[in-house]
N, C-alpha and C. Protein backbone atom coordinates (compact mmCIF):
# COMPACT_ATOMS: atom_id res chain seq x y z
N MET A 1 -1.34 116.60 19.06
CA MET A 1 -1.22 117.06 20.62
C MET A 1 -2.84 117.28 20.95
N GLU A 2 -3.53 117.78 20.21
CA GLU A 2 -5.01 117.77 20.28
C GLU A 2 -5.68 116.73 21.08
N PRO A 3 -5.52 115.38 20.75
CA PRO A 3 -6.21 114.53 21.59
C PRO A 3 -5.67 114.39 23.14
N ILE A 4 -4.22 114.62 23.25
CA ILE A 4 -3.96 114.71 24.74
C ILE A 4 -4.27 115.60 25.57
N ALA A 5 -4.34 116.98 24.77
CA ALA A 5 -4.89 118.08 25.49
C ALA A 5 -6.17 117.90 25.78
N HIS A 6 -7.24 117.42 25.13
CA HIS A 6 -8.49 117.23 25.22
C HIS A 6 -8.63 116.22 26.35
N LEU A 7 -7.86 115.37 26.23
CA LEU A 7 -7.94 114.03 27.46
C LEU A 7 -7.56 114.72 28.84
N VAL A 8 -6.50 115.49 28.92
CA VAL A 8 -6.07 116.25 30.15
C VAL A 8 -6.82 117.10 30.68
N LYS A 9 -7.67 118.05 29.81
CA LYS A 9 -8.34 119.07 30.16
C LYS A 9 -9.77 119.02 30.29
N VAL A 10 -10.20 117.93 29.42
CA VAL A 10 -11.50 117.67 29.20
C VAL A 10 -12.26 116.20 29.93
N SER A 11 -11.64 115.12 29.32
CA SER A 11 -11.93 113.87 29.65
C SER A 11 -12.00 113.52 30.94
N VAL A 12 -10.80 113.47 31.65
CA VAL A 12 -10.28 113.15 32.53
C VAL A 12 -11.17 113.84 33.85
N PRO A 13 -10.90 115.25 33.80
CA PRO A 13 -11.53 115.83 34.78
C PRO A 13 -13.10 115.59 34.74
N ASN A 14 -14.00 115.52 33.63
CA ASN A 14 -15.12 115.12 33.49
C ASN A 14 -15.35 113.56 34.21
N TYR A 15 -14.55 112.88 34.00
CA TYR A 15 -14.59 111.43 34.45
C TYR A 15 -14.34 111.43 36.12
N LEU A 16 -13.45 112.32 36.58
CA LEU A 16 -13.19 112.30 37.84
C LEU A 16 -14.54 113.12 38.65
N ALA A 17 -14.88 114.02 38.00
CA ALA A 17 -16.08 114.63 38.67
C ALA A 17 -17.39 113.96 38.68
N GLY A 18 -17.45 112.75 37.84
CA GLY A 18 -18.86 112.02 37.75
C GLY A 18 -18.69 110.81 38.95
N LEU A 19 -17.25 110.49 39.47
CA LEU A 19 -17.28 109.64 40.56
C LEU A 19 -17.78 109.87 41.65
N PRO A 20 -18.51 108.78 42.26
CA PRO A 20 -19.44 108.87 43.23
C PRO A 20 -18.69 108.85 44.64
N ILE A 21 -17.63 109.88 44.71
CA ILE A 21 -16.67 110.10 45.97
C ILE A 21 -17.69 110.79 47.17
N PRO A 22 -17.94 110.12 48.08
CA PRO A 22 -18.68 111.00 49.14
C PRO A 22 -17.82 111.85 49.99
N ASN A 23 -18.53 112.91 50.82
CA ASN A 23 -18.04 114.06 51.28
C ASN A 23 -17.57 113.51 52.62
N SER A 24 -18.35 112.50 53.30
CA SER A 24 -17.73 112.27 54.62
C SER A 24 -17.60 110.81 55.02
N ILE A 25 -17.00 110.37 55.94
CA ILE A 25 -16.86 108.93 56.09
C ILE A 25 -18.18 108.13 56.16
N GLY A 26 -18.79 108.50 56.69
CA GLY A 26 -20.26 107.77 56.47
C GLY A 26 -20.52 107.89 55.19
N GLY A 27 -20.57 108.59 54.53
CA GLY A 27 -21.01 108.41 53.26
C GLY A 27 -20.42 107.23 52.33
N TRP A 28 -19.39 106.81 52.68
CA TRP A 28 -18.82 105.29 51.92
C TRP A 28 -19.72 104.30 52.34
N PHE A 29 -20.40 104.19 53.66
CA PHE A 29 -21.06 103.43 53.85
C PHE A 29 -22.45 103.28 53.37
N ARG A 30 -22.86 104.36 52.64
CA ARG A 30 -24.20 104.68 51.98
C ARG A 30 -23.94 104.27 50.49
N LEU A 31 -22.91 104.06 49.80
CA LEU A 31 -22.82 103.77 48.51
C LEU A 31 -23.37 102.44 48.26
N GLY A 32 -23.77 102.71 47.11
CA GLY A 32 -24.49 101.38 46.52
C GLY A 32 -23.78 100.38 45.70
N VAL A 33 -24.08 99.47 45.12
CA VAL A 33 -23.08 98.38 44.36
C VAL A 33 -22.56 99.07 43.10
N ARG A 34 -23.38 99.58 42.51
CA ARG A 34 -23.22 100.47 40.94
C ARG A 34 -21.87 101.50 41.45
N ASP A 35 -22.08 102.25 42.49
CA ASP A 35 -21.21 103.33 42.87
C ASP A 35 -19.63 102.53 43.28
N TRP A 36 -19.68 101.54 43.86
CA TRP A 36 -18.65 100.64 43.99
C TRP A 36 -17.69 100.28 42.69
N PHE A 37 -18.67 99.55 41.91
CA PHE A 37 -18.28 99.29 40.56
C PHE A 37 -17.61 100.63 39.93
N ALA A 38 -18.12 101.85 40.05
CA ALA A 38 -17.78 102.65 39.39
C ALA A 38 -16.33 103.19 39.91
N LEU A 39 -16.23 102.95 41.13
CA LEU A 39 -14.73 103.40 41.93
C LEU A 39 -13.59 102.44 41.60
N LEU A 40 -14.08 101.01 40.93
CA LEU A 40 -12.92 100.10 40.70
C LEU A 40 -12.01 100.44 39.68
N PRO A 41 -12.33 101.01 38.66
CA PRO A 41 -11.15 101.41 37.64
C PRO A 41 -10.03 102.52 38.15
N PRO A 42 -10.60 103.57 38.92
CA PRO A 42 -9.60 104.48 39.44
C PRO A 42 -8.82 104.05 40.48
N THR A 43 -9.27 103.15 41.08
CA THR A 43 -8.65 102.56 42.47
C THR A 43 -7.76 101.63 41.94
N ALA A 44 -7.98 100.75 40.93
CA ALA A 44 -6.95 99.64 40.46
C ALA A 44 -5.67 100.48 39.82
N PHE A 45 -6.25 101.57 38.83
CA PHE A 45 -5.08 102.26 38.63
C PHE A 45 -4.31 102.88 39.84
N LEU A 46 -4.90 103.49 40.51
CA LEU A 46 -3.90 104.23 41.56
C LEU A 46 -3.17 103.22 42.48
N ALA A 47 -3.70 101.82 42.70
CA ALA A 47 -3.05 100.78 43.24
C ALA A 47 -1.87 100.40 42.43
N GLY A 48 -2.05 100.21 41.05
CA GLY A 48 -1.18 99.87 40.33
C GLY A 48 0.16 100.83 40.20
N LEU A 49 -0.34 102.09 40.31
CA LEU A 49 0.79 103.12 39.95
C LEU A 49 1.68 103.28 41.40
N GLY A 50 0.65 103.18 42.51
CA GLY A 50 1.53 103.00 44.08
C GLY A 50 2.40 101.86 43.98
N TYR A 51 2.13 100.93 43.32
CA TYR A 51 2.85 99.25 43.62
C TYR A 51 4.27 99.71 42.59
N MET A 52 3.88 100.12 41.13
CA MET A 52 5.12 100.28 40.36
C MET A 52 6.11 101.45 41.15
N SER A 53 5.65 102.51 41.68
CA SER A 53 6.38 103.40 42.29
C SER A 53 7.11 102.84 43.28
N TYR A 54 6.44 102.07 44.16
CA TYR A 54 7.27 101.23 45.41
C TYR A 54 8.22 100.25 44.82
N ARG A 55 7.98 99.55 43.90
CA ARG A 55 8.77 98.61 43.32
C ARG A 55 10.45 99.53 42.79
N ALA A 56 10.06 100.65 42.04
CA ALA A 56 11.09 101.35 41.37
C ALA A 56 12.18 102.14 42.51
N PHE A 57 11.30 102.74 43.75
CA PHE A 57 11.90 103.17 44.57
C PHE A 57 12.37 102.65 46.18
N CYS A 58 11.77 101.77 46.13
CA CYS A 58 12.05 101.04 47.48
C CYS A 58 12.88 99.33 47.47
N PRO A 59 13.92 99.41 48.13
CA PRO A 59 14.78 98.23 48.05
C PRO A 59 13.98 96.88 48.38
N LEU A 60 12.85 96.86 49.05
CA LEU A 60 12.14 95.77 49.27
C LEU A 60 12.42 95.19 50.51
N GLY A 61 13.48 95.72 51.31
CA GLY A 61 14.27 95.37 52.49
C GLY A 61 15.25 94.50 52.22
N ARG A 62 15.86 94.39 50.91
CA ARG A 62 16.79 93.51 50.45
C ARG A 62 17.97 94.09 49.91
N PRO A 63 18.69 95.31 50.46
CA PRO A 63 19.53 95.87 49.86
C PRO A 63 20.84 95.23 49.39
N ALA A 64 21.04 94.04 49.79
CA ALA A 64 22.33 93.14 49.85
C ALA A 64 21.93 92.61 48.49
N CYS A 65 20.70 92.32 47.78
CA CYS A 65 20.33 91.66 46.60
C CYS A 65 20.18 92.32 45.46
N LEU A 66 20.29 93.52 45.37
CA LEU A 66 20.43 94.63 44.02
C LEU A 66 21.60 94.89 44.02
N GLY A 67 22.18 94.83 42.79
CA GLY A 67 23.20 95.55 42.25
C GLY A 67 24.17 94.39 42.01
N ARG A 68 25.38 94.72 42.61
CA ARG A 68 26.48 93.78 42.53
C ARG A 68 26.07 92.33 43.23
N VAL A 69 26.73 91.40 42.47
CA VAL A 69 26.96 90.02 43.13
C VAL A 69 27.83 89.72 43.98
N ASN A 70 29.13 90.19 43.69
CA ASN A 70 30.55 90.21 44.37
C ASN A 70 30.47 91.37 45.32
N LEU A 71 30.18 91.50 46.78
CA LEU A 71 30.29 92.35 47.69
C LEU A 71 31.55 92.45 48.30
N LYS A 72 32.61 91.44 48.28
CA LYS A 72 33.56 91.66 49.25
C LYS A 72 34.67 90.79 48.62
N ILE A 73 34.87 89.95 47.67
CA ILE A 73 35.76 88.88 47.27
C ILE A 73 36.72 89.77 46.41
N LYS A 74 37.95 90.01 47.02
CA LYS A 74 38.99 90.37 46.10
C LYS A 74 38.63 91.77 44.91
N LYS A 75 38.06 92.70 45.85
CA LYS A 75 37.61 93.81 45.21
C LYS A 75 38.53 94.89 44.57
N ASP A 76 39.97 94.58 44.77
CA ASP A 76 41.13 95.28 44.39
C ASP A 76 41.58 94.97 43.02
N ILE A 77 41.03 93.79 42.43
CA ILE A 77 41.18 93.39 40.92
C ILE A 77 40.29 93.27 40.17
N PRO A 78 40.52 93.50 38.80
CA PRO A 78 39.25 93.97 37.91
C PRO A 78 38.41 92.41 37.61
N LYS A 79 38.87 91.45 37.97
CA LYS A 79 38.25 90.34 37.48
C LYS A 79 38.78 88.97 38.45
N VAL A 80 37.86 88.30 39.20
CA VAL A 80 38.32 87.50 40.32
C VAL A 80 38.30 85.96 39.44
N VAL A 81 39.24 85.51 39.29
CA VAL A 81 39.71 84.01 38.64
C VAL A 81 40.40 83.40 39.79
N ASP A 82 40.02 81.95 40.12
CA ASP A 82 40.66 81.30 41.16
C ASP A 82 40.63 79.91 40.13
N THR A 83 42.01 79.45 40.56
CA THR A 83 42.04 78.23 40.07
C THR A 83 42.57 77.14 41.18
N VAL A 84 41.96 75.71 40.83
CA VAL A 84 42.14 74.66 42.02
C VAL A 84 42.62 73.32 40.86
N ASP A 85 43.75 73.05 41.34
CA ASP A 85 44.45 71.80 40.54
C ASP A 85 43.27 70.51 41.12
N ILE A 86 42.99 69.80 39.90
CA ILE A 86 41.98 68.66 40.33
C ILE A 86 42.85 67.77 41.22
N GLU A 87 44.06 67.54 41.22
CA GLU A 87 45.00 66.80 41.84
C GLU A 87 45.00 67.10 43.32
N ASP A 88 44.42 68.25 43.78
CA ASP A 88 44.49 68.68 45.26
C ASP A 88 43.40 68.29 45.75
N ILE A 89 42.23 67.81 44.73
CA ILE A 89 40.96 67.50 45.73
C ILE A 89 41.06 65.90 45.82
N SER A 90 40.65 65.59 47.31
CA SER A 90 40.97 64.24 47.74
C SER A 90 39.87 63.69 47.20
N GLU A 91 38.48 63.64 47.79
CA GLU A 91 37.40 62.82 47.40
C GLU A 91 36.30 63.75 46.69
N LYS A 92 36.01 65.01 47.53
CA LYS A 92 35.15 65.98 46.80
C LYS A 92 35.45 67.34 47.56
N ALA A 93 35.09 68.25 46.53
CA ALA A 93 35.52 69.74 46.95
C ALA A 93 33.82 70.36 46.67
N VAL A 94 33.73 71.41 47.55
CA VAL A 94 32.37 71.93 47.47
C VAL A 94 33.08 73.66 47.32
N PHE A 95 32.33 74.30 46.22
CA PHE A 95 32.67 75.81 45.91
C PHE A 95 31.65 76.38 45.98
N CYS A 96 31.99 77.50 46.11
CA CYS A 96 30.94 78.61 46.52
C CYS A 96 30.55 79.38 45.45
N ARG A 97 29.12 79.64 45.22
CA ARG A 97 28.53 80.30 43.74
C ARG A 97 27.72 81.48 44.31
N CYS A 98 27.76 81.89 45.47
CA CYS A 98 26.72 83.18 45.76
C CYS A 98 27.90 84.38 46.25
N TRP A 99 28.81 83.91 46.52
CA TRP A 99 29.94 85.16 46.72
C TRP A 99 29.69 85.46 47.99
N ARG A 100 29.30 84.98 48.97
CA ARG A 100 29.37 85.32 50.35
C ARG A 100 30.13 84.72 51.40
N SER A 101 30.67 83.72 50.94
CA SER A 101 31.75 82.56 51.79
C SER A 101 32.75 83.43 52.29
N GLU A 102 32.76 82.95 53.45
CA GLU A 102 34.09 83.45 54.37
C GLU A 102 35.36 82.76 54.07
N ASN A 103 34.99 81.51 53.15
CA ASN A 103 36.31 80.74 53.01
C ASN A 103 36.24 80.58 51.53
N TRP A 104 36.28 81.66 50.75
CA TRP A 104 36.16 81.53 49.40
C TRP A 104 37.42 81.05 48.77
N PRO A 105 37.44 80.23 47.77
CA PRO A 105 36.38 79.90 46.88
C PRO A 105 35.53 78.87 47.30
N TYR A 106 35.75 78.13 48.75
CA TYR A 106 34.96 76.97 49.11
C TYR A 106 33.68 77.23 49.61
N CYS A 107 32.99 76.61 49.51
CA CYS A 107 31.65 77.13 50.30
C CYS A 107 31.51 76.90 51.70
N ASP A 108 30.77 77.65 52.40
CA ASP A 108 30.79 77.61 53.94
C ASP A 108 29.27 77.57 54.40
N GLY A 109 28.38 77.23 53.52
CA GLY A 109 27.04 77.23 53.55
C GLY A 109 26.41 78.91 53.78
N THR A 110 26.87 79.61 53.37
CA THR A 110 26.45 81.04 53.61
C THR A 110 25.27 81.48 52.63
N HIS A 111 25.20 80.45 51.47
CA HIS A 111 24.45 80.62 50.59
C HIS A 111 22.75 80.25 51.24
N GLY A 112 22.63 79.64 52.36
CA GLY A 112 21.45 79.48 52.92
C GLY A 112 21.00 80.90 53.33
N ARG A 113 21.75 81.62 54.21
CA ARG A 113 21.24 82.89 54.55
C ARG A 113 20.82 83.89 53.27
N HIS A 114 21.62 83.81 52.33
CA HIS A 114 21.52 84.62 51.13
C HIS A 114 20.25 84.17 50.47
N ASN A 115 20.08 83.13 50.37
CA ASN A 115 18.40 82.73 49.72
C ASN A 115 17.30 83.20 50.36
N ASN A 116 17.49 82.82 51.84
CA ASN A 116 16.21 83.34 52.89
C ASN A 116 16.38 85.08 52.57
N GLN A 117 17.25 85.75 52.53
CA GLN A 117 17.40 87.04 52.41
C GLN A 117 16.72 87.98 51.10
N CYS A 118 17.21 86.83 50.31
CA CYS A 118 17.10 87.35 48.57
C CYS A 118 15.96 86.88 47.66
N ASP A 119 15.64 85.62 48.53
CA ASP A 119 14.32 84.89 47.82
C ASP A 119 15.06 84.26 46.68
N ASP A 120 16.16 83.60 46.60
CA ASP A 120 17.12 82.98 45.64
C ASP A 120 17.20 81.55 45.63
N ASN A 121 17.61 80.90 44.97
CA ASN A 121 18.09 79.31 45.16
C ASN A 121 19.20 78.86 44.59
N VAL A 122 20.69 79.79 45.11
CA VAL A 122 21.66 79.55 44.47
C VAL A 122 22.26 78.54 45.52
N GLY A 123 22.93 77.38 45.16
CA GLY A 123 23.67 76.52 45.97
C GLY A 123 24.99 76.24 45.54
N PRO A 124 25.73 75.38 46.09
CA PRO A 124 27.35 75.31 45.74
C PRO A 124 27.61 74.70 44.52
N LEU A 125 28.70 74.42 44.05
CA LEU A 125 29.12 73.59 42.79
C LEU A 125 29.67 72.28 43.68
N ILE A 126 29.63 71.22 43.39
CA ILE A 126 30.22 70.26 44.19
C ILE A 126 31.14 69.23 43.21
N ILE A 127 32.10 69.03 43.43
CA ILE A 127 33.01 68.34 42.52
C ILE A 127 33.49 67.10 43.05
N THR A 128 33.35 66.12 42.53
CA THR A 128 33.51 64.64 43.09
C THR A 128 34.73 63.98 42.38
N LYS A 129 35.75 63.22 42.62
CA LYS A 129 36.49 62.44 42.29
C LYS A 129 36.15 60.97 42.20
N LYS A 130 35.97 60.52 40.97
CA LYS A 130 35.73 59.19 40.82
C LYS A 130 37.16 58.44 40.90
N GLU A 131 37.11 57.19 41.33
CA GLU A 131 38.34 56.37 41.49
C GLU A 131 38.35 55.45 40.37
């Protein structure tokens, strides 16, 4: 614990005290190149810490993309399973894989909106019947 205590009580405060932080707004314009380079490491650290905090606590404007995949289909049962008889398919069937279709289990193109909102690339499952 002694090295950590020394770091927190002595090293970090001494480092921060030595940074060329001006007392006024005009002082920022009088900083030299060496001063700006001295400010890069703590600025990068604070920017990284801020970015990680933002990513951890903010939903990035995409609340529908976090957490559950299935938001509304058959929520009253523990596992959604659908069966389609291959004989019922005339030539082609297009099935939803994004769980957002209003015509479940068939695709209605809702994945396009989902992909735009969530920066995703999901598309339908297309089954064709060869004669």
